[in-house]
Amino acid sequence: MGTFTDHDLRDQVIASLDGREDDFDVPGIVDEVQSAYGTVHIDKVPHAIYWGIVERHDNTITKVALTDQGRAEPLGRGPIDMIDTGTTRTFHA
C-alpha cells in the first residue's frame, strides 16, 4: 500500500460530498483536517467532528442573513436596513 497524500485526502473529501463539491470550500476542509489530524483517511476523523468541519466550509448556508423584510442578504454586504436602529437596548453591568 502506498503513501496517503494530500491529493488522496482531497479525493476522499470530494467523494464524501456526494456530487456537491462545488458548494463547499474543499481546500479549506482539507486544510482544517490536516491541521487537526494530519494527512489521514477521513475515517480517522471522528464522524461528528468531520461533518462539523464540512459544515463550516459550506458556501451555501453560512453567508446569508434574513433582513426585516424577509429577504436573504449576504452578511456584511446587505442594505443598511439590516441594522435594527429602531430599538433601544440598555445593558447594565
C-alpha atoms as a PDB file:
ATOM      1  CA  MET A   1       0.000   0.000   0.000  1.00  0.00           C
ATOM      2  CA  GLY A   2       1.366   3.429  -0.973  1.00  0.00           C
ATOM      3  CA  THR A   3       1.639   6.631   0.977  1.00  0.00           C
ATOM      4  CA  PHE A   4      -1.594   8.505   1.640  1.00  0.00           C
ATOM      5  CA  THR A   5      -1.197  12.010   0.153  1.00  0.00           C
ATOM      6  CA  ASP A   6      -2.874  15.423   0.200  1.00  0.00           C
ATOM      7  CA  HIS A   7      -4.410  14.501  -3.150  1.00  0.00           C
ATOM      8  CA  ASP A   8      -5.867  11.291  -1.670  1.00  0.00           C
ATOM      9  CA  LEU A   9      -7.377  13.273   1.215  1.00  0.00           C
ATOM     10  CA  ARG A  10      -8.865  15.792  -1.224  1.00  0.00           C
ATOM     11  CA  ASP A  11     -10.365  12.954  -3.273  1.00  0.00           C
ATOM     12  CA  GLN A  12     -11.940  11.446  -0.137  1.00  0.00           C
ATOM     13  CA  VAL A  13     -13.390  14.810   0.885  1.00  0.00           C
ATOM     14  CA  ILE A  14     -14.871  15.287  -2.600  1.00  0.00           C
ATOM     15  CA  ALA A  15     -16.323  11.756  -2.548  1.00  0.00           C
ATOM     16  CA  SER A  16     -17.909  12.408   0.863  1.00  0.00           C
ATOM     17  CA  LEU A  17     -19.710  15.471  -0.527  1.00  0.00           C
ATOM     18  CA  ASP A  18     -21.727  13.260  -2.871  1.00  0.00           C
ATOM     19  CA  GLY A  19     -21.503  15.405  -6.003  1.00  0.00           C
ATOM     20  CA  ARG A  20     -21.954  18.728  -4.190  1.00  0.00           C
ATOM     21  CA  GLU A  21     -18.265  19.663  -4.007  1.00  0.00           C
ATOM     22  CA  ASP A  22     -18.902  22.969  -5.798  1.00  0.00           C
ATOM     23  CA  ASP A  23     -20.982  24.067  -2.782  1.00  0.00           C
ATOM     24  CA  PHE A  24     -18.016  23.673  -0.421  1.00  0.00           C
ATOM     25  CA  ASP A  25     -14.551  25.101   0.133  1.00  0.00           C
ATOM     26  CA  VAL A  26     -12.789  21.771  -0.446  1.00  0.00           C
ATOM     27  CA  PRO A  27      -9.252  23.160   0.109  1.00  0.00           C
ATOM     28  CA  GLY A  28     -10.482  24.677   3.393  1.00  0.00           C
ATOM     29  CA  ILE A  29     -11.859  21.319   4.546  1.00  0.00           C
ATOM     30  CA  VAL A  30      -8.616  19.568   3.608  1.00  0.00           C
ATOM     31  CA  ASP A  31      -6.527  22.228   5.401  1.00  0.00           C
ATOM     32  CA  GLU A  32      -8.626  22.009   8.566  1.00  0.00           C
ATOM     33  CA  VAL A  33      -8.468  18.196   8.640  1.00  0.00           C
ATOM     34  CA  GLN A  34      -4.709  18.300   8.074  1.00  0.00           C
ATOM     35  CA  SER A  35      -4.203  20.934  10.782  1.00  0.00           C
ATOM     36  CA  ALA A  36      -6.043  18.847  13.349  1.00  0.00           C
ATOM     37  CA  TYR A  37      -5.247  15.255  12.306  1.00  0.00           C
ATOM     38  CA  GLY A  38      -2.524  15.296   9.659  1.00  0.00           C
ATOM     39  CA  THR A  39      -2.902  13.783   6.216  1.00  0.00           C
ATOM     40  CA  VAL A  40      -5.190  10.904   7.179  1.00  0.00           C
ATOM     41  CA  HIS A  41      -8.132   8.970   5.771  1.00  0.00           C
ATOM     42  CA  ILE A  42     -11.313  10.836   6.694  1.00  0.00           C
ATOM     43  CA  ASP A  43     -12.426   7.678   8.526  1.00  0.00           C
ATOM     44  CA  LYS A  44      -9.738   8.515  11.117  1.00  0.00           C
ATOM     45  CA  VAL A  45     -11.532  11.781  11.971  1.00  0.00           C
ATOM     46  CA  PRO A  46     -14.455  11.341  14.397  1.00  0.00           C
ATOM     47  CA  HIS A  47     -17.708  11.466  12.418  1.00  0.00           C
ATOM     48  CA  ALA A  48     -19.238  14.473  14.212  1.00  0.00           C
ATOM     49  CA  ILE A  49     -16.011  16.442  14.029  1.00  0.00           C
ATOM     50  CA  TYR A  50     -15.538  15.743  10.315  1.00  0.00           C
ATOM     51  CA  TRP A  51     -19.065  16.853   9.442  1.00  0.00           C
ATOM     52  CA  GLY A  52     -18.657  19.916  11.668  1.00  0.00           C
ATOM     53  CA  ILE A  53     -15.575  20.838   9.631  1.00  0.00           C
ATOM     54  CA  VAL A  54     -17.532  20.278   6.422  1.00  0.00           C
ATOM     55  CA  GLU A  55     -20.395  22.455   7.673  1.00  0.00           C
ATOM     56  CA  ARG A  56     -18.005  25.323   8.465  1.00  0.00           C
ATOM     57  CA  HIS A  57     -16.916  25.252   4.819  1.00  0.00           C
ATOM     58  CA  ASP A  58     -20.416  25.035   3.298  1.00  0.00           C
ATOM     59  CA  ASN A  59     -20.658  28.023   0.983  1.00  0.00           C
ATOM     60  CA  THR A  60     -24.437  27.699   0.629  1.00  0.00           C
ATOM     61  CA  ILE A  61     -25.536  28.228   4.244  1.00  0.00           C
ATOM     62  CA  THR A  62     -23.001  30.327   6.076  1.00  0.00           C
ATOM     63  CA  LYS A  63     -23.135  33.582   4.212  1.00  0.00           C
ATOM     64  CA  VAL A  64     -26.693  34.897   4.444  1.00  0.00           C
ATOM     65  CA  ALA A  65     -28.884  36.648   6.988  1.00  0.00           C
ATOM     66  CA  LEU A  66     -32.575  37.497   6.888  1.00  0.00           C
ATOM     67  CA  THR A  67     -33.491  41.159   6.793  1.00  0.00           C
ATOM     68  CA  ASP A  68     -36.542  42.674   8.477  1.00  0.00           C
ATOM     69  CA  GLN A  69     -38.252  42.416   5.104  1.00  0.00           C
ATOM     70  CA  GLY A  70     -37.632  38.658   4.983  1.00  0.00           C
ATOM     71  CA  ARG A  71     -35.023  38.862   2.213  1.00  0.00           C
ATOM     72  CA  ALA A  72     -31.835  36.857   2.432  1.00  0.00           C
ATOM     73  CA  GLU A  73     -28.803  39.119   2.068  1.00  0.00           C
ATOM     74  CA  PRO A  74     -25.109  38.257   2.126  1.00  0.00           C
ATOM     75  CA  LEU A  75     -23.608  39.086   5.517  1.00  0.00           C
ATOM     76  CA  GLY A  76     -21.573  42.256   5.521  1.00  0.00           C
ATOM     77  CA  ARG A  77     -22.871  43.338   2.128  1.00  0.00           C
ATOM     78  CA  GLY A  78     -26.548  43.904   2.737  1.00  0.00           C
ATOM     79  CA  PRO A  79     -28.502  47.143   2.898  1.00  0.00           C
ATOM     80  CA  ILE A  80     -28.223  49.392   5.928  1.00  0.00           C
ATOM     81  CA  ASP A  81     -31.805  48.500   6.904  1.00  0.00           C
ATOM     82  CA  MET A  82     -30.440  45.187   8.184  1.00  0.00           C
ATOM     83  CA  ILE A  83     -29.353  47.090  11.299  1.00  0.00           C
ATOM     84  CA  ASP A  84     -32.046  47.403  13.958  1.00  0.00           C
ATOM     85  CA  THR A  85     -31.849  51.153  14.638  1.00  0.00           C
ATOM     86  CA  GLY A  86     -35.439  51.486  15.843  1.00  0.00           C
ATOM     87  CA  THR A  87     -34.920  49.674  19.122  1.00  0.00           C
ATOM     88  CA  THR A  88     -33.035  50.988  22.150  1.00  0.00           C
ATOM     89  CA  ARG A  89     -31.436  48.435  24.391  1.00  0.00           C
ATOM     90  CA  THR A  90     -29.927  49.140  27.785  1.00  0.00           C
ATOM     91  CA  PHE A  91     -27.328  46.862  29.306  1.00  0.00           C
ATOM     92  CA  HIS A  92     -26.352  47.005  32.946  1.00  0.00           C
ATOM     93  CA  ALA A  93     -23.132  45.590  34.348  1.00  0.00           C
END
